[in-house]
């Protein structure tokens, strides 16, 4: 997280661009919903369903920033996405887990 924070521009955090907003919504809302739907389709219940939900609802790893920087990707955008996901996951993860528990 320290490396990600070094590449973060705070003005982008308060007004995220469309790419960051889409990335956050897909990772924190759509991915857990798809994972839960598939888990239910395969008959998972109880603790197994909660584990699938928790694993799907976590934010992106901060090590992705280092990889994006090394590979010539859009590292500032990824820093913004990781930061937003980490902040918002504090809200979305408990909600997602509570819905399936």
N, C-alpha and C. Protein backbone atom coordinates (compact mmCIF):
# COMPACT_ATOMS: atom_id res chain seq x y z
N UNK A 1 0.83 -1.19 0.00
CA UNK A 1 0.00 0.00 0.00
C UNK A 1 0.86 1.25 0.00
N UNK A 2 2.02 1.18 0.60
CA UNK A 2 2.90 2.35 0.65
C UNK A 2 3.33 2.76 -0.74
N UNK A 3 3.68 1.81 -1.58
CA UNK A 3 4.10 2.12 -2.95
C UNK A 3 2.93 2.68 -3.74
N UNK A 4 1.76 2.12 -3.54
CA UNK A 4 0.57 2.62 -4.23
C UNK A 4 0.27 4.05 -3.81
N UNK A 5 0.39 4.34 -2.53
CA UNK A 5 0.15 5.69 -2.04
C UNK A 5 1.12 6.71 -2.59
N UNK A 6 2.34 6.28 -2.86
CA UNK A 6 3.32 7.19 -3.43
C UNK A 6 2.94 7.59 -4.85
N UNK A 7 2.24 6.73 -5.56
CA UNK A 7 1.84 7.05 -6.93
C UNK A 7 0.46 7.65 -7.04
N UNK A 8 -0.17 7.92 -5.93
CA UNK A 8 -1.54 8.41 -5.94
C UNK A 8 -1.57 9.93 -5.98
N UNK A 9 -2.46 10.46 -6.81
CA UNK A 9 -2.72 11.90 -6.85
C UNK A 9 -4.09 12.12 -6.19
N UNK A 10 -4.12 12.86 -5.10
CA UNK A 10 -5.34 12.98 -4.30
C UNK A 10 -6.49 13.66 -5.03
N UNK A 11 -6.20 14.53 -5.99
CA UNK A 11 -7.29 15.19 -6.70
C UNK A 11 -8.12 14.17 -7.49
N UNK A 12 -7.50 13.10 -7.95
CA UNK A 12 -8.21 12.06 -8.66
C UNK A 12 -9.03 11.18 -7.74
N UNK A 13 -8.71 11.18 -6.46
CA UNK A 13 -9.42 10.35 -5.51
C UNK A 13 -10.82 10.90 -5.23
N UNK A 14 -10.96 12.21 -5.22
CA UNK A 14 -12.25 12.82 -4.92
C UNK A 14 -13.13 12.95 -6.15
N UNK A 15 -12.53 12.94 -7.34
CA UNK A 15 -13.27 12.96 -8.59
C UNK A 15 -12.73 11.88 -9.51
N UNK A 16 -13.08 10.62 -9.24
CA UNK A 16 -12.53 9.53 -10.06
C UNK A 16 -13.04 9.61 -11.49
N UNK A 17 -12.17 9.22 -12.43
CA UNK A 17 -12.59 9.22 -13.82
C UNK A 17 -13.45 7.98 -14.10
N UNK A 18 -13.96 7.88 -15.31
CA UNK A 18 -14.88 6.79 -15.65
C UNK A 18 -14.21 5.43 -15.53
N UNK A 19 -12.94 5.33 -15.92
CA UNK A 19 -12.23 4.06 -15.83
C UNK A 19 -12.12 3.56 -14.40
N UNK A 20 -11.82 4.46 -13.49
CA UNK A 20 -11.70 4.08 -12.08
C UNK A 20 -13.06 3.68 -11.51
N UNK A 21 -14.09 4.43 -11.85
CA UNK A 21 -15.44 4.13 -11.33
C UNK A 21 -15.92 2.78 -11.85
N UNK A 22 -15.67 2.50 -13.12
CA UNK A 22 -16.09 1.22 -13.68
C UNK A 22 -15.31 0.08 -13.04
N UNK A 23 -14.00 0.27 -12.88
CA UNK A 23 -13.18 -0.77 -12.24
C UNK A 23 -13.61 -1.08 -10.82
N UNK A 24 -13.95 -0.06 -10.07
CA UNK A 24 -14.40 -0.25 -8.69
C UNK A 24 -15.74 -0.97 -8.66
N UNK A 25 -16.67 -0.54 -9.50
CA UNK A 25 -18.00 -1.18 -9.52
C UNK A 25 -17.93 -2.64 -9.95
N UNK A 26 -17.13 -2.91 -10.97
CA UNK A 26 -17.01 -4.29 -11.44
C UNK A 26 -16.41 -5.19 -10.37
N UNK A 27 -15.37 -4.70 -9.69
CA UNK A 27 -14.67 -5.54 -8.71
C UNK A 27 -15.45 -5.69 -7.41
N UNK A 28 -16.06 -4.63 -6.93
CA UNK A 28 -16.70 -4.68 -5.62
C UNK A 28 -18.17 -5.04 -5.64
N UNK A 29 -18.83 -4.93 -6.78
CA UNK A 29 -20.26 -5.23 -6.85
C UNK A 29 -20.53 -6.41 -7.77
N UNK A 30 -20.08 -6.31 -9.02
CA UNK A 30 -20.42 -7.34 -9.99
C UNK A 30 -19.69 -8.66 -9.72
N UNK A 31 -18.41 -8.60 -9.39
CA UNK A 31 -17.67 -9.85 -9.15
C UNK A 31 -18.22 -10.66 -7.98
N UNK A 32 -18.50 -10.05 -6.82
CA UNK A 32 -19.12 -10.84 -5.75
C UNK A 32 -20.49 -11.38 -6.13
N UNK A 33 -21.27 -10.60 -6.89
CA UNK A 33 -22.59 -11.08 -7.30
C UNK A 33 -22.49 -12.30 -8.20
N UNK A 34 -21.55 -12.27 -9.13
CA UNK A 34 -21.35 -13.42 -10.02
C UNK A 34 -20.84 -14.62 -9.23
N UNK A 35 -19.91 -14.38 -8.31
CA UNK A 35 -19.36 -15.47 -7.50
C UNK A 35 -20.44 -16.12 -6.64
N UNK A 36 -21.29 -15.31 -6.03
CA UNK A 36 -22.37 -15.86 -5.20
C UNK A 36 -23.36 -16.63 -6.06
N UNK A 37 -23.69 -16.09 -7.23
CA UNK A 37 -24.62 -16.79 -8.11
C UNK A 37 -24.05 -18.15 -8.53
N UNK A 38 -22.78 -18.19 -8.88
CA UNK A 38 -22.16 -19.46 -9.26
C UNK A 38 -22.08 -20.42 -8.07
N UNK A 39 -21.76 -19.88 -6.89
CA UNK A 39 -21.68 -20.73 -5.69
C UNK A 39 -23.04 -21.35 -5.38
N UNK A 40 -24.09 -20.56 -5.49
CA UNK A 40 -25.43 -21.08 -5.26
C UNK A 40 -25.82 -22.09 -6.33
N UNK A 41 -25.40 -21.83 -7.56
CA UNK A 41 -25.67 -22.77 -8.65
C UNK A 41 -25.03 -24.13 -8.40
N UNK A 42 -23.85 -24.11 -7.79
CA UNK A 42 -23.14 -25.35 -7.47
C UNK A 42 -23.55 -25.92 -6.12
N UNK A 43 -24.50 -25.28 -5.44
CA UNK A 43 -25.05 -25.84 -4.22
C UNK A 43 -24.29 -25.51 -2.94
N UNK A 44 -23.45 -24.51 -2.96
CA UNK A 44 -22.72 -24.13 -1.74
C UNK A 44 -23.66 -23.40 -0.78
N UNK A 45 -23.51 -23.67 0.50
CA UNK A 45 -24.29 -22.99 1.53
C UNK A 45 -23.41 -22.77 2.75
N UNK A 46 -23.91 -22.02 3.70
CA UNK A 46 -23.25 -21.84 4.98
C UNK A 46 -21.88 -21.19 4.87
N UNK A 47 -20.94 -21.75 5.60
CA UNK A 47 -19.59 -21.18 5.68
C UNK A 47 -18.90 -21.17 4.32
N UNK A 48 -19.14 -22.18 3.50
CA UNK A 48 -18.52 -22.22 2.17
C UNK A 48 -18.98 -21.05 1.30
N UNK A 49 -20.25 -20.72 1.37
CA UNK A 49 -20.78 -19.59 0.61
C UNK A 49 -20.20 -18.27 1.11
N UNK A 50 -20.05 -18.16 2.42
CA UNK A 50 -19.46 -16.94 2.99
C UNK A 50 -18.00 -16.80 2.56
N UNK A 51 -17.27 -17.89 2.51
CA UNK A 51 -15.86 -17.84 2.09
C UNK A 51 -15.75 -17.42 0.63
N UNK A 52 -16.59 -17.97 -0.22
CA UNK A 52 -16.58 -17.57 -1.63
C UNK A 52 -16.89 -16.08 -1.76
N UNK A 53 -17.87 -15.61 -1.01
CA UNK A 53 -18.25 -14.21 -1.05
C UNK A 53 -17.11 -13.31 -0.57
N UNK A 54 -16.48 -13.68 0.52
CA UNK A 54 -15.38 -12.87 1.05
C UNK A 54 -14.21 -12.83 0.08
N UNK A 55 -13.89 -13.95 -0.53
CA UNK A 55 -12.78 -13.98 -1.49
C UNK A 55 -13.07 -13.15 -2.73
N UNK A 56 -14.31 -13.13 -3.16
CA UNK A 56 -14.68 -12.36 -4.35
C UNK A 56 -14.80 -10.87 -4.06
N UNK A 57 -15.04 -10.50 -2.80
CA UNK A 57 -15.31 -9.10 -2.47
C UNK A 57 -14.08 -8.31 -2.05
N UNK A 58 -12.93 -8.95 -1.94
CA UNK A 58 -11.73 -8.21 -1.52
C UNK A 58 -11.27 -7.27 -2.62
N UNK A 59 -10.64 -6.14 -2.25
CA UNK A 59 -10.13 -5.22 -3.27
C UNK A 59 -8.90 -5.80 -3.97
N UNK A 60 -8.53 -5.17 -5.05
CA UNK A 60 -7.36 -5.60 -5.81
C UNK A 60 -6.09 -5.47 -4.97
N UNK A 61 -5.13 -6.30 -5.26
CA UNK A 61 -3.88 -6.30 -4.51
C UNK A 61 -3.04 -5.08 -4.85
N UNK A 62 -2.39 -4.53 -3.86
CA UNK A 62 -1.55 -3.36 -4.10
C UNK A 62 -0.29 -3.71 -4.89
N UNK A 63 0.06 -4.99 -4.95
CA UNK A 63 1.22 -5.38 -5.75
C UNK A 63 0.94 -5.22 -7.25
N UNK A 64 -0.32 -5.10 -7.64
CA UNK A 64 -0.66 -4.87 -9.04
C UNK A 64 -0.11 -3.53 -9.51
N UNK A 65 0.01 -2.57 -8.60
CA UNK A 65 0.56 -1.26 -8.96
C UNK A 65 2.02 -1.40 -9.40
N UNK A 66 2.78 -2.17 -8.67
CA UNK A 66 4.19 -2.37 -9.02
C UNK A 66 4.29 -3.04 -10.39
N UNK A 67 3.46 -4.03 -10.64
CA UNK A 67 3.46 -4.72 -11.92
C UNK A 67 3.08 -3.76 -13.05
N UNK A 68 2.05 -2.95 -12.84
CA UNK A 68 1.64 -1.99 -13.87
C UNK A 68 2.75 -0.99 -14.16
N UNK A 69 3.43 -0.56 -13.13
CA UNK A 69 4.53 0.39 -13.31
C UNK A 69 5.69 -0.24 -14.08
N UNK A 70 6.03 -1.47 -13.75
CA UNK A 70 7.14 -2.16 -14.41
C UNK A 70 6.81 -2.50 -15.87
N UNK A 71 5.55 -2.81 -16.13
CA UNK A 71 5.16 -3.24 -17.48
C UNK A 71 4.69 -2.08 -18.36
N UNK A 72 4.76 -0.84 -17.87
CA UNK A 72 4.40 0.32 -18.67
C UNK A 72 2.91 0.58 -18.75
N UNK A 73 2.16 0.07 -17.78
CA UNK A 73 0.71 0.31 -17.76
C UNK A 73 0.37 1.67 -17.17
N UNK A 74 -0.89 1.93 -17.00
CA UNK A 74 -1.35 3.20 -16.44
C UNK A 74 -1.31 3.11 -14.92
N UNK A 75 -0.13 3.26 -14.35
CA UNK A 75 0.07 3.10 -12.91
C UNK A 75 -0.71 4.12 -12.09
N UNK A 76 -0.78 5.40 -12.49
CA UNK A 76 -1.59 6.34 -11.69
C UNK A 76 -3.07 5.96 -11.63
N UNK A 77 -3.61 5.48 -12.74
CA UNK A 77 -5.01 5.04 -12.73
C UNK A 77 -5.18 3.84 -11.81
N UNK A 78 -4.25 2.91 -11.87
CA UNK A 78 -4.34 1.73 -11.00
C UNK A 78 -4.19 2.11 -9.53
N UNK A 79 -3.35 3.08 -9.24
CA UNK A 79 -3.23 3.55 -7.85
C UNK A 79 -4.55 4.13 -7.37
N UNK A 80 -5.22 4.86 -8.25
CA UNK A 80 -6.52 5.42 -7.90
C UNK A 80 -7.55 4.31 -7.69
N UNK A 81 -7.57 3.32 -8.56
CA UNK A 81 -8.51 2.21 -8.44
C UNK A 81 -8.27 1.43 -7.16
N UNK A 82 -7.02 1.11 -6.87
CA UNK A 82 -6.70 0.33 -5.66
C UNK A 82 -7.10 1.10 -4.40
N UNK A 83 -6.83 2.39 -4.39
CA UNK A 83 -7.17 3.19 -3.21
C UNK A 83 -8.69 3.26 -3.02
N UNK A 84 -9.42 3.51 -4.10
CA UNK A 84 -10.88 3.57 -4.00
C UNK A 84 -11.46 2.23 -3.58
N UNK A 85 -10.94 1.14 -4.17
CA UNK A 85 -11.44 -0.18 -3.81
C UNK A 85 -11.17 -0.49 -2.35
N UNK A 86 -10.01 -0.14 -1.85
CA UNK A 86 -9.67 -0.43 -0.47
C UNK A 86 -10.58 0.34 0.49
N UNK A 87 -10.85 1.60 0.17
CA UNK A 87 -11.72 2.41 1.03
C UNK A 87 -13.16 1.89 0.98
N UNK A 88 -13.65 1.64 -0.22
CA UNK A 88 -15.05 1.23 -0.37
C UNK A 88 -15.29 -0.21 0.06
N UNK A 89 -14.26 -1.05 0.03
CA UNK A 89 -14.41 -2.43 0.47
C UNK A 89 -14.75 -2.52 1.96
N UNK A 90 -14.40 -1.49 2.71
CA UNK A 90 -14.76 -1.47 4.13
C UNK A 90 -16.28 -1.41 4.30
N UNK A 91 -16.97 -0.95 3.26
CA UNK A 91 -18.43 -0.90 3.29
C UNK A 91 -19.03 -2.11 2.57
N UNK A 92 -18.52 -2.40 1.38
CA UNK A 92 -19.14 -3.43 0.55
C UNK A 92 -18.90 -4.85 1.06
N UNK A 93 -17.75 -5.13 1.64
CA UNK A 93 -17.48 -6.49 2.11
C UNK A 93 -18.42 -6.92 3.24
N UNK A 94 -18.59 -6.11 4.28
CA UNK A 94 -19.54 -6.53 5.33
C UNK A 94 -20.98 -6.68 4.82
N UNK A 95 -21.36 -5.83 3.87
CA UNK A 95 -22.71 -5.93 3.31
C UNK A 95 -22.86 -7.23 2.53
N UNK A 96 -21.89 -7.54 1.68
CA UNK A 96 -21.96 -8.76 0.89
C UNK A 96 -21.97 -10.01 1.77
N UNK A 97 -21.13 -10.00 2.79
CA UNK A 97 -21.07 -11.16 3.68
C UNK A 97 -22.36 -11.28 4.49
N UNK A 98 -22.90 -10.16 4.93
CA UNK A 98 -24.16 -10.20 5.69
C UNK A 98 -25.32 -10.70 4.84
N UNK A 99 -25.30 -10.41 3.55
CA UNK A 99 -26.38 -10.85 2.69
C UNK A 99 -26.41 -12.35 2.48
N UNK A 100 -25.24 -13.00 2.54
CA UNK A 100 -25.20 -14.44 2.30
C UNK A 100 -25.12 -15.26 3.59
N UNK A 101 -24.82 -14.63 4.69
CA UNK A 101 -24.68 -15.36 5.97
C UNK A 101 -26.02 -15.73 6.55
